[in-house]
Amino acid sequence: MNNGSNLQVAIPNTQEFCVNVPLYKEYDISQATPEELLELENRSETIDAYCVECNQQSVFQKDTPPMGSPGSPANPRRGEIRPDPAIRARSDRDFAVSFICSRNKYHQMRFYFRVKGFKISKVGQYPSLADLHLQGIAKYRKVLEPKEYAELARAIGLSAHGIGIGSFVYLRRVFENLIEIAHQKASGVKGWEEGNFQTGRMHEKILLLKDHLPETLVKNANIYSILSKGIHALTEDECLDYFSTIRLGIELILDEEIERREREKKIKGLTDEIGRIQGELGGTV
């Protein structure tokens, strides 16, 4: 818990900093080692992200100047003084890192960082954080109504702009909608006890609906209590810290529902084809 302070003490790894951390979120670098501080800027590495031009998930390789090239930290231009890494690491400066899509070298992402007053933050990026995440959820249109899909998109958009509590509000609505869909299915089953459902707490409702809900949701029913606590008791930054994990949980639930529907579609298709083939063979098989 950070008691509402916007200043974080653990610098995220490159994947997290670039793809998930909102703009202007500050991290304390006073206790970090020079190696940790310069890793983001200099280390050659890859990140996984949605390529908005390929329209699919991809691996991006960091595009960094060779360490022996003019102007690189290890080989400054003629006349420049070779910087001491320990000093440079905490010096006030702006820098950018670029990544190239492994599918197409012309598809790039670029992130801008600022080090100032022993703090580091991401101050710009292209594509935007919202673009990276919103493109990646298009598949959930298959299992969400337009209103619920819009609420999931709104949650991601708010998180991308540093609004944590509001993002939890919309994620909770998505969760509650999944429960209501299962409720509508269960209410038509013989022996269903509507009174128990209406008076039950959320975890009790989930247990009543377990045969109609994705297994991932049943096993992670405490997602709802985390969302509720976020809305009523946590700070903006705490909600932002937990957002990516809770969002992952919601997406896994939706992924399971997509798989279930696709499996049912395949089973129906197989059953229909077997019936057709048997009819063509005169019912002799």
C-alpha atoms as a PDB file:
ATOM      1  CA  MET A   1       0.000   0.000   0.000  1.00  0.00           C
ATOM      2  CA  ASN A   2       1.330   3.417  -0.874  1.00  0.00           C
ATOM      3  CA  ASN A   3      -0.958   5.579   1.298  1.00  0.00           C
ATOM      4  CA  GLY A   4      -2.083   7.637  -1.660  1.00  0.00           C
ATOM      5  CA  SER A   5       1.360   8.829  -2.720  1.00  0.00           C
ATOM      6  CA  ASN A   6       1.957   8.965  -6.448  1.00  0.00           C
ATOM      7  CA  LEU A   7       5.656   8.112  -5.962  1.00  0.00           C
ATOM      8  CA  GLN A   8       6.507   4.425  -6.356  1.00  0.00           C
ATOM      9  CA  VAL A   9       9.696   2.885  -5.042  1.00  0.00           C
ATOM     10  CA  ALA A  10      10.123  -0.161  -7.304  1.00  0.00           C
ATOM     11  CA  ILE A  11      10.984   0.598 -10.923  1.00  0.00           C
ATOM     12  CA  PRO A  12       8.962  -1.692 -13.215  1.00  0.00           C
ATOM     13  CA  ASN A  13      10.645  -3.837 -15.828  1.00  0.00           C
ATOM     14  CA  THR A  14      10.719  -2.622 -19.426  1.00  0.00           C
ATOM     15  CA  GLN A  15       7.674  -4.666 -20.491  1.00  0.00           C
ATOM     16  CA  GLU A  16       5.534  -3.294 -17.674  1.00  0.00           C
ATOM     17  CA  PHE A  17       6.822   0.285 -17.928  1.00  0.00           C
ATOM     18  CA  CYS A  18       6.190   0.567 -21.649  1.00  0.00           C
ATOM     19  CA  VAL A  19       3.005  -1.440 -22.105  1.00  0.00           C
ATOM     20  CA  ASN A  20       1.061  -1.026 -18.852  1.00  0.00           C
ATOM     21  CA  VAL A  21       2.226   1.964 -16.791  1.00  0.00           C
ATOM     22  CA  PRO A  22       0.238   5.169 -17.474  1.00  0.00           C
ATOM     23  CA  LEU A  23       1.930   8.447 -18.364  1.00  0.00           C
ATOM     24  CA  TYR A  24       3.448  10.604 -15.618  1.00  0.00           C
ATOM     25  CA  LYS A  25       3.424   7.892 -12.943  1.00  0.00           C
ATOM     26  CA  GLU A  26       6.622   8.576 -11.001  1.00  0.00           C
ATOM     27  CA  TYR A  27       9.115   6.108  -9.530  1.00  0.00           C
ATOM     28  CA  ASP A  28      11.746   6.888  -6.922  1.00  0.00           C
ATOM     29  CA  ILE A  29      15.259   6.175  -8.223  1.00  0.00           C
ATOM     30  CA  SER A  30      17.242   7.364  -5.198  1.00  0.00           C
ATOM     31  CA  GLN A  31      17.990   3.801  -4.055  1.00  0.00           C
ATOM     32  CA  ALA A  32      18.313   2.156  -7.476  1.00  0.00           C
ATOM     33  CA  THR A  33      21.668   1.032  -8.839  1.00  0.00           C
ATOM     34  CA  PRO A  34      23.118   2.647 -11.993  1.00  0.00           C
ATOM     35  CA  GLU A  35      22.674  -0.675 -13.788  1.00  0.00           C
ATOM     36  CA  GLU A  36      18.963  -0.712 -12.987  1.00  0.00           C
ATOM     37  CA  LEU A  37      18.515   2.878 -14.097  1.00  0.00           C
ATOM     38  CA  LEU A  38      20.384   2.514 -17.382  1.00  0.00           C
ATOM     39  CA  GLU A  39      18.866  -0.855 -18.273  1.00  0.00           C
ATOM     40  CA  LEU A  40      15.689   0.667 -19.673  1.00  0.00           C
ATOM     41  CA  GLU A  41      17.668   3.043 -21.838  1.00  0.00           C
ATOM     42  CA  ASN A  42      20.496   0.800 -23.043  1.00  0.00           C
ATOM     43  CA  ARG A  43      19.754  -2.885 -22.652  1.00  0.00           C
ATOM     44  CA  SER A  44      18.824  -4.770 -25.811  1.00  0.00           C
ATOM     45  CA  GLU A  45      15.633  -6.714 -25.106  1.00  0.00           C
ATOM     46  CA  THR A  46      12.192  -7.619 -26.410  1.00  0.00           C
ATOM     47  CA  ILE A  47       8.667  -6.900 -25.248  1.00  0.00           C
ATOM     48  CA  ASP A  48       5.321  -8.470 -26.132  1.00  0.00           C
ATOM     49  CA  ALA A  49       2.659  -6.031 -27.291  1.00  0.00           C
ATOM     50  CA  TYR A  50      -0.225  -5.623 -29.675  1.00  0.00           C
ATOM     51  CA  CYS A  51       0.916  -4.256 -33.032  1.00  0.00           C
ATOM     52  CA  VAL A  52      -1.717  -1.755 -34.136  1.00  0.00           C
ATOM     53  CA  GLU A  53      -0.525  -2.042 -37.748  1.00  0.00           C
ATOM     54  CA  CYS A  54      -0.350  -5.851 -37.921  1.00  0.00           C
ATOM     55  CA  ASN A  55      -3.602  -5.986 -35.934  1.00  0.00           C
ATOM     56  CA  GLN A  56      -2.280  -8.827 -33.794  1.00  0.00           C
ATOM     57  CA  GLN A  57      -0.021  -9.586 -30.873  1.00  0.00           C
ATOM     58  CA  SER A  58       3.675  -9.454 -31.709  1.00  0.00           C
ATOM     59  CA  VAL A  59       7.201  -9.463 -30.297  1.00  0.00           C
ATOM     60  CA  PHE A  60       9.055  -6.147 -30.502  1.00  0.00           C
ATOM     61  CA  GLN A  61      12.847  -5.878 -30.439  1.00  0.00           C
ATOM     62  CA  LYS A  62      14.402  -2.801 -28.905  1.00  0.00           C
ATOM     63  CA  ASP A  63      16.027  -0.603 -31.541  1.00  0.00           C
ATOM     64  CA  THR A  64      19.126   0.776 -29.838  1.00  0.00           C
ATOM     65  CA  PRO A  65      22.276   2.319 -31.342  1.00  0.00           C
ATOM     66  CA  PRO A  66      25.185  -0.149 -31.274  1.00  0.00           C
ATOM     67  CA  MET A  67      27.196   0.462 -28.136  1.00  0.00           C
ATOM     68  CA  GLY A  68      30.270   1.304 -30.198  1.00  0.00           C
ATOM     69  CA  SER A  69      28.523   3.788 -32.457  1.00  0.00           C
ATOM     70  CA  PRO A  70      29.130   7.553 -32.187  1.00  0.00           C
ATOM     71  CA  GLY A  71      26.900   9.140 -29.594  1.00  0.00           C
ATOM     72  CA  SER A  72      26.156   5.946 -27.682  1.00  0.00           C
ATOM     73  CA  PRO A  73      26.838   6.058 -23.913  1.00  0.00           C
ATOM     74  CA  ALA A  74      29.804   3.712 -24.356  1.00  0.00           C
ATOM     75  CA  ASN A  75      31.333   5.727 -27.189  1.00  0.00           C
ATOM     76  CA  PRO A  76      30.555   9.470 -27.103  1.00  0.00           C
ATOM     77  CA  ARG A  77      31.155  11.689 -30.121  1.00  0.00           C
ATOM     78  CA  ARG A  78      34.539  13.315 -30.555  1.00  0.00           C
ATOM     79  CA  GLY A  79      34.993  16.146 -28.093  1.00  0.00           C
ATOM     80  CA  GLU A  80      32.344  14.811 -25.722  1.00  0.00           C
ATOM     81  CA  ILE A  81      33.297  13.677 -22.230  1.00  0.00           C
ATOM     82  CA  ARG A  82      32.601  10.024 -21.525  1.00  0.00           C
ATOM     83  CA  PRO A  83      29.841  10.077 -18.877  1.00  0.00           C
ATOM     84  CA  ASP A  84      30.272   8.253 -15.602  1.00  0.00           C
ATOM     85  CA  PRO A  85      27.374   5.710 -15.499  1.00  0.00           C
ATOM     86  CA  ALA A  86      26.802   6.246 -11.782  1.00  0.00           C
ATOM     87  CA  ILE A  87      26.402   9.987 -12.326  1.00  0.00           C
ATOM     88  CA  ARG A  88      24.524   9.814 -15.604  1.00  0.00           C
ATOM     89  CA  ALA A  89      22.026   7.263 -14.245  1.00  0.00           C
ATOM     90  CA  ARG A  90      20.510   9.809 -11.833  1.00  0.00           C
ATOM     91  CA  SER A  91      21.142  12.938 -13.897  1.00  0.00           C
ATOM     92  CA  ASP A  92      18.118  14.927 -15.041  1.00  0.00           C
ATOM     93  CA  ARG A  93      17.534  14.031 -18.680  1.00  0.00           C
ATOM     94  CA  ASP A  94      15.000  12.952 -21.281  1.00  0.00           C
ATOM     95  CA  PHE A  95      15.462   9.857 -23.395  1.00  0.00           C
ATOM     96  CA  ALA A  96      13.494   7.707 -25.809  1.00  0.00           C
ATOM     97  CA  VAL A  97      13.440   4.006 -26.570  1.00  0.00           C
ATOM     98  CA  SER A  98      12.125   2.460 -29.773  1.00  0.00           C
ATOM     99  CA  PHE A  99      10.959  -1.041 -30.577  1.00  0.00           C
ATOM    100  CA  ILE A 100      10.569  -2.714 -33.978  1.00  0.00           C
ATOM    101  CA  CYS A 101       7.879  -5.304 -34.718  1.00  0.00           C
ATOM    102  CA  SER A 102       9.335  -8.714 -35.526  1.00  0.00           C
ATOM    103  CA  ARG A 103       6.719  -9.116 -38.275  1.00  0.00           C
ATOM    104  CA  ASN A 104       7.466  -5.871 -40.075  1.00  0.00           C
ATOM    105  CA  LYS A 105      10.466  -3.621 -39.427  1.00  0.00           C
ATOM    106  CA  TYR A 106       8.448  -0.547 -40.456  1.00  0.00           C
ATOM    107  CA  HIS A 107       5.995  -1.088 -37.596  1.00  0.00           C
ATOM    108  CA  GLN A 108       7.487   0.673 -34.589  1.00  0.00           C
ATOM    109  CA  MET A 109       6.653   1.799 -31.086  1.00  0.00           C
ATOM    110  CA  ARG A 110       8.371   4.666 -29.311  1.00  0.00           C
ATOM    111  CA  PHE A 111       8.391   5.603 -25.619  1.00  0.00           C
ATOM    112  CA  TYR A 112       9.643   8.802 -23.986  1.00  0.00           C
ATOM    113  CA  PHE A 113      10.999   8.971 -20.425  1.00  0.00           C
ATOM    114  CA  ARG A 114      12.079  11.747 -18.107  1.00  0.00           C
ATOM    115  CA  VAL A 115      14.497  11.579 -15.176  1.00  0.00           C
ATOM    116  CA  LYS A 116      14.203  14.565 -12.879  1.00  0.00           C
ATOM    117  CA  GLY A 117      14.769  15.135  -9.187  1.00  0.00           C
ATOM    118  CA  PHE A 118      15.588  11.474  -8.474  1.00  0.00           C
ATOM    119  CA  LYS A 119      12.331  10.368 -10.102  1.00  0.00           C
ATOM    120  CA  ILE A 120      11.626   8.663 -13.426  1.00  0.00           C
ATOM    121  CA  SER A 121       8.366   8.697 -15.368  1.00  0.00           C
ATOM    122  CA  LYS A 122       7.064   7.903 -18.818  1.00  0.00           C
ATOM    123  CA  VAL A 123       5.995  11.189 -20.418  1.00  0.00           C
ATOM    124  CA  GLY A 124       4.908  10.105 -23.900  1.00  0.00           C
ATOM    125  CA  GLN A 125       4.431   7.166 -26.228  1.00  0.00           C
ATOM    126  CA  TYR A 126       3.229   6.076 -29.656  1.00  0.00           C
ATOM    127  CA  PRO A 127       0.930   4.244 -30.099  1.00  0.00           C
ATOM    128  CA  SER A 128      -0.960   5.446 -27.068  1.00  0.00           C
ATOM    129  CA  LEU A 129      -1.498   3.107 -24.141  1.00  0.00           C
ATOM    130  CA  ALA A 130      -5.216   3.041 -24.889  1.00  0.00           C
ATOM    131  CA  ASP A 131      -4.566   2.094 -28.546  1.00  0.00           C
ATOM    132  CA  LEU A 132      -2.314  -0.790 -27.516  1.00  0.00           C
ATOM    133  CA  HIS A 133      -4.889  -2.240 -25.160  1.00  0.00           C
ATOM    134  CA  LEU A 134      -8.163  -1.466 -26.904  1.00  0.00           C
ATOM    135  CA  GLN A 135      -7.092  -3.170 -30.132  1.00  0.00           C
ATOM    136  CA  GLY A 136      -6.265  -6.296 -28.181  1.00  0.00           C
ATOM    137  CA  ILE A 137      -9.782  -6.752 -26.746  1.00  0.00           C
ATOM    138  CA  ALA A 138     -11.723  -6.744 -30.033  1.00  0.00           C
ATOM    139  CA  LYS A 139     -12.227 -10.523 -29.821  1.00  0.00           C
ATOM    140  CA  TYR A 140     -14.421 -10.068 -26.744  1.00  0.00           C
ATOM    141  CA  ARG A 141     -17.167  -8.602 -28.895  1.00  0.00           C
ATOM    142  CA  LYS A 142     -18.059 -12.277 -29.466  1.00  0.00           C
ATOM    143  CA  VAL A 143     -19.178 -12.758 -25.867  1.00  0.00           C
ATOM    144  CA  LEU A 144     -20.078  -9.269 -24.642  1.00  0.00           C
ATOM    145  CA  GLU A 145     -23.082  -7.175 -25.526  1.00  0.00           C
ATOM    146  CA  PRO A 146     -22.221  -3.748 -27.014  1.00  0.00           C
ATOM    147  CA  LYS A 147     -22.880  -2.016 -23.689  1.00  0.00           C
ATOM    148  CA  GLU A 148     -20.634  -4.392 -21.718  1.00  0.00           C
ATOM    149  CA  TYR A 149     -17.914  -4.238 -24.369  1.00  0.00           C
ATOM    150  CA  ALA A 150     -18.013  -0.441 -24.152  1.00  0.00           C
ATOM    151  CA  GLU A 151     -17.632  -0.685 -20.364  1.00  0.00           C
ATOM    152  CA  LEU A 152     -14.560  -2.917 -20.718  1.00  0.00           C
ATOM    153  CA  ALA A 153     -13.092  -0.448 -23.213  1.00  0.00           C
ATOM    154  CA  ARG A 154     -13.900   2.442 -20.881  1.00  0.00           C
ATOM    155  CA  ALA A 155     -12.124   0.698 -17.989  1.00  0.00           C
ATOM    156  CA  ILE A 156      -8.992   0.267 -20.097  1.00  0.00           C
ATOM    157  CA  GLY A 157      -9.144   3.830 -21.362  1.00  0.00           C
ATOM    158  CA  LEU A 158      -9.468   5.255 -17.856  1.00  0.00           C
ATOM    159  CA  SER A 159      -6.573   3.160 -16.608  1.00  0.00           C
ATOM    160  CA  ALA A 160      -4.423   4.338 -19.524  1.00  0.00           C
ATOM    161  CA  HIS A 161      -5.078   7.922 -18.398  1.00  0.00           C
ATOM    162  CA  GLY A 162      -4.176   7.219 -14.772  1.00  0.00           C
ATOM    163  CA  ILE A 163      -7.725   6.945 -13.401  1.00  0.00           C
ATOM    164  CA  GLY A 164      -7.714   3.873 -11.186  1.00  0.00           C
ATOM    165  CA  ILE A 165     -10.955   3.967  -9.202  1.00  0.00           C
ATOM    166  CA  GLY A 166     -13.063   4.762 -12.259  1.00  0.00           C
ATOM    167  CA  SER A 167     -11.479   1.870 -14.144  1.00  0.00           C
ATOM    168  CA  PHE A 168     -12.480  -0.476 -11.313  1.00  0.00           C
ATOM    169  CA  VAL A 169     -16.076   0.762 -11.507  1.00  0.00           C
ATOM    170  CA  TYR A 170     -16.347  -0.356 -15.133  1.00  0.00           C
ATOM    171  CA  LEU A 171     -14.521  -3.643 -14.590  1.00  0.00           C
ATOM    172  CA  ARG A 172     -16.963  -4.462 -11.801  1.00  0.00           C
ATOM    173  CA  ARG A 173     -19.869  -3.795 -14.139  1.00  0.00           C
ATOM    174  CA  VAL A 174     -18.402  -6.261 -16.638  1.00  0.00           C
ATOM    175  CA  PHE A 175     -18.032  -8.849 -13.863  1.00  0.00           C
ATOM    176  CA  GLU A 176     -21.595  -8.287 -12.654  1.00  0.00           C
ATOM    177  CA  ASN A 177     -22.888  -8.709 -16.196  1.00  0.00           C
ATOM    178  CA  LEU A 178     -21.217 -12.127 -16.463  1.00  0.00           C
ATOM    179  CA  ILE A 179     -23.015 -13.135 -13.275  1.00  0.00           C
ATOM    180  CA  GLU A 180     -26.349 -11.884 -14.598  1.00  0.00           C
ATOM    181  CA  ILE A 181     -25.988 -13.813 -17.870  1.00  0.00           C
ATOM    182  CA  ALA A 182     -25.409 -16.997 -15.868  1.00  0.00           C
ATOM    183  CA  HIS A 183     -28.347 -16.069 -13.618  1.00  0.00           C
ATOM    184  CA  GLN A 184     -30.682 -15.834 -16.598  1.00  0.00           C
ATOM    185  CA  LYS A 185     -29.582 -19.301 -17.740  1.00  0.00           C
ATOM    186  CA  ALA A 186     -29.975 -20.834 -14.291  1.00  0.00           C
ATOM    187  CA  SER A 187     -33.365 -19.275 -13.588  1.00  0.00           C
ATOM    188  CA  GLY A 188     -34.940 -21.519 -16.222  1.00  0.00           C
ATOM    189  CA  VAL A 189     -33.565 -24.710 -14.695  1.00  0.00           C
ATOM    190  CA  LYS A 190     -35.938 -26.871 -12.650  1.00  0.00           C
ATOM    191  CA  GLY A 191     -35.268 -26.576  -8.923  1.00  0.00           C
ATOM    192  CA  TRP A 192     -33.633 -23.156  -9.118  1.00  0.00           C
ATOM    193  CA  GLU A 193     -34.126 -21.211  -5.887  1.00  0.00           C
ATOM    194  CA  GLU A 194     -34.413 -17.570  -6.844  1.00  0.00           C
ATOM    195  CA  GLY A 195     -34.851 -16.399  -3.260  1.00  0.00           C
ATOM    196  CA  ASN A 196     -31.468 -17.756  -2.207  1.00  0.00           C
ATOM    197  CA  PHE A 197     -29.860 -16.015  -5.141  1.00  0.00           C
ATOM    198  CA  GLN A 198     -31.453 -12.633  -4.496  1.00  0.00           C
ATOM    199  CA  THR A 199     -30.516 -12.574  -0.800  1.00  0.00           C
ATOM    200  CA  GLY A 200     -27.033 -14.040  -1.202  1.00  0.00           C
ATOM    201  CA  ARG A 201     -23.733 -12.188  -1.195  1.00  0.00           C
ATOM    202  CA  MET A 202     -21.715 -12.238  -4.404  1.00  0.00           C
ATOM    203  CA  HIS A 203     -19.551 -15.232  -3.458  1.00  0.00           C
ATOM    204  CA  GLU A 204     -22.727 -17.141  -2.539  1.00  0.00           C
ATOM    205  CA  LYS A 205     -24.326 -16.232  -5.862  1.00  0.00           C
ATOM    206  CA  ILE A 206     -21.259 -17.497  -7.690  1.00  0.00           C
ATOM    207  CA  LEU A 207     -21.457 -20.836  -5.874  1.00  0.00           C
ATOM    208  CA  LEU A 208     -25.139 -21.146  -6.819  1.00  0.00           C
ATOM    209  CA  LEU A 209     -24.236 -20.431 -10.447  1.00  0.00           C
ATOM    210  CA  LYS A 210     -21.048 -22.494 -10.642  1.00  0.00           C
ATOM    211  CA  ASP A 211     -22.520 -24.880 -13.235  1.00  0.00           C
ATOM    212  CA  HIS A 212     -23.292 -21.927 -15.514  1.00  0.00           C
ATOM    213  CA  LEU A 213     -20.099 -19.898 -15.097  1.00  0.00           C
ATOM    214  CA  PRO A 214     -16.587 -20.255 -16.537  1.00  0.00           C
ATOM    215  CA  GLU A 215     -14.395 -22.274 -14.168  1.00  0.00           C
ATOM    216  CA  THR A 216     -11.867 -19.441 -14.037  1.00  0.00           C
ATOM    217  CA  LEU A 217     -14.500 -17.098 -12.603  1.00  0.00           C
ATOM    218  CA  VAL A 218     -15.618 -19.606  -9.969  1.00  0.00           C
ATOM    219  CA  LYS A 219     -12.015 -20.239  -8.859  1.00  0.00           C
ATOM    220  CA  ASN A 220     -11.259 -16.509  -8.743  1.00  0.00           C
ATOM    221  CA  ALA A 221     -14.508 -15.194  -7.306  1.00  0.00           C
ATOM    222  CA  ASN A 222     -12.543 -12.876  -5.001  1.00  0.00           C
ATOM    223  CA  ILE A 223     -11.931 -10.638  -8.029  1.00  0.00           C
ATOM    224  CA  TYR A 224     -15.266  -9.060  -7.202  1.00  0.00           C
ATOM    225  CA  SER A 225     -14.326  -8.259  -3.598  1.00  0.00           C
ATOM    226  CA  ILE A 226     -11.049  -6.697  -4.791  1.00  0.00           C
ATOM    227  CA  LEU A 227     -12.959  -4.537  -7.277  1.00  0.00           C
ATOM    228  CA  SER A 228     -15.432  -3.462  -4.607  1.00  0.00           C
ATOM    229  CA  LYS A 229     -12.685  -2.617  -2.130  1.00  0.00           C
ATOM    230  CA  GLY A 230     -10.916  -0.663  -4.847  1.00  0.00           C
ATOM    231  CA  ILE A 231     -13.988   1.452  -5.465  1.00  0.00           C
ATOM    232  CA  HIS A 232     -14.716   2.137  -1.802  1.00  0.00           C
ATOM    233  CA  ALA A 233     -11.413   1.972   0.081  1.00  0.00           C
ATOM    234  CA  LEU A 234      -8.322   2.095  -2.144  1.00  0.00           C
ATOM    235  CA  THR A 235      -6.493   5.056  -3.666  1.00  0.00           C
ATOM    236  CA  GLU A 236      -6.220   5.852  -7.367  1.00  0.00           C
ATOM    237  CA  ASP A 237      -2.652   4.555  -7.456  1.00  0.00           C
ATOM    238  CA  GLU A 238      -3.493   1.338  -5.630  1.00  0.00           C
ATOM    239  CA  CYS A 239      -6.248   0.613  -8.148  1.00  0.00           C
ATOM    240  CA  LEU A 240      -3.827   1.329 -10.986  1.00  0.00           C
ATOM    241  CA  ASP A 241      -1.269  -1.018  -9.434  1.00  0.00           C
ATOM    242  CA  TYR A 242      -3.809  -3.835  -9.321  1.00  0.00           C
ATOM    243  CA  PHE A 243      -5.585  -3.037 -12.577  1.00  0.00           C
ATOM    244  CA  SER A 244      -3.518  -5.194 -14.954  1.00  0.00           C
ATOM    245  CA  THR A 245      -3.931  -8.269 -12.723  1.00  0.00           C
ATOM    246  CA  ILE A 246      -7.692  -7.845 -12.339  1.00  0.00           C
ATOM    247  CA  ARG A 247      -8.058  -7.097 -16.034  1.00  0.00           C
ATOM    248  CA  LEU A 248      -6.143 -10.301 -16.822  1.00  0.00           C
ATOM    249  CA  GLY A 249      -8.567 -12.219 -14.634  1.00  0.00           C
ATOM    250  CA  ILE A 250     -11.563 -10.745 -16.468  1.00  0.00           C
ATOM    251  CA  GLU A 251      -9.994 -11.517 -19.854  1.00  0.00           C
ATOM    252  CA  LEU A 252      -9.233 -15.118 -18.890  1.00  0.00           C
ATOM    253  CA  ILE A 253     -12.880 -15.525 -17.901  1.00  0.00           C
ATOM    254  CA  LEU A 254     -13.941 -14.143 -21.285  1.00  0.00           C
ATOM    255  CA  ASP A 255     -11.365 -16.320 -23.081  1.00  0.00           C
ATOM    256  CA  GLU A 256     -12.859 -19.391 -21.444  1.00  0.00           C
ATOM    257  CA  GLU A 257     -16.342 -18.355 -22.552  1.00  0.00           C
ATOM    258  CA  ILE A 258     -15.105 -17.896 -26.139  1.00  0.00           C
ATOM    259  CA  GLU A 259     -13.540 -21.370 -26.060  1.00  0.00           C
ATOM    260  CA  ARG A 260     -16.751 -22.874 -24.685  1.00  0.00           C
ATOM    261  CA  ARG A 261     -18.865 -21.352 -27.427  1.00  0.00           C
ATOM    262  CA  GLU A 262     -16.425 -22.382 -30.140  1.00  0.00           C
ATOM    263  CA  ARG A 263     -16.360 -25.932 -28.782  1.00  0.00           C
ATOM    264  CA  GLU A 264     -20.157 -26.080 -28.731  1.00  0.00           C
ATOM    265  CA  LYS A 265     -20.215 -24.797 -32.322  1.00  0.00           C
ATOM    266  CA  LYS A 266     -17.761 -27.508 -33.410  1.00  0.00           C
ATOM    267  CA  ILE A 267     -19.716 -30.227 -31.605  1.00  0.00           C
ATOM    268  CA  LYS A 268     -22.937 -29.118 -33.266  1.00  0.00           C
ATOM    269  CA  GLY A 269     -21.213 -28.997 -36.642  1.00  0.00           C
ATOM    270  CA  LEU A 270     -19.817 -32.498 -36.134  1.00  0.00           C
ATOM    271  CA  THR A 271     -23.187 -33.865 -35.035  1.00  0.00           C
ATOM    272  CA  ASP A 272     -24.904 -32.320 -38.070  1.00  0.00           C
ATOM    273  CA  GLU A 273     -22.295 -33.688 -40.479  1.00  0.00           C
ATOM    274  CA  ILE A 274     -22.383 -37.176 -38.978  1.00  0.00           C
ATOM    275  CA  GLY A 275     -26.162 -37.122 -39.369  1.00  0.00           C
ATOM    276  CA  ARG A 276     -25.857 -35.977 -42.980  1.00  0.00           C
ATOM    277  CA  ILE A 277     -23.275 -38.656 -43.815  1.00  0.00           C
ATOM    278  CA  GLN A 278     -25.366 -41.335 -42.169  1.00  0.00           C
ATOM    279  CA  GLY A 279     -28.348 -40.180 -44.214  1.00  0.00           C
ATOM    280  CA  GLU A 280     -26.352 -40.388 -47.462  1.00  0.00           C
ATOM    281  CA  LEU A 281     -25.238 -43.919 -46.575  1.00  0.00           C
ATOM    282  CA  GLY A 282     -28.821 -44.950 -46.044  1.00  0.00           C
ATOM    283  CA  GLY A 283     -28.545 -45.324 -42.320  1.00  0.00           C
ATOM    284  CA  THR A 284     -26.455 -48.493 -42.727  1.00  0.00           C
ATOM    285  CA  VAL A 285     -23.624 -47.381 -40.463  1.00  0.00           C
END
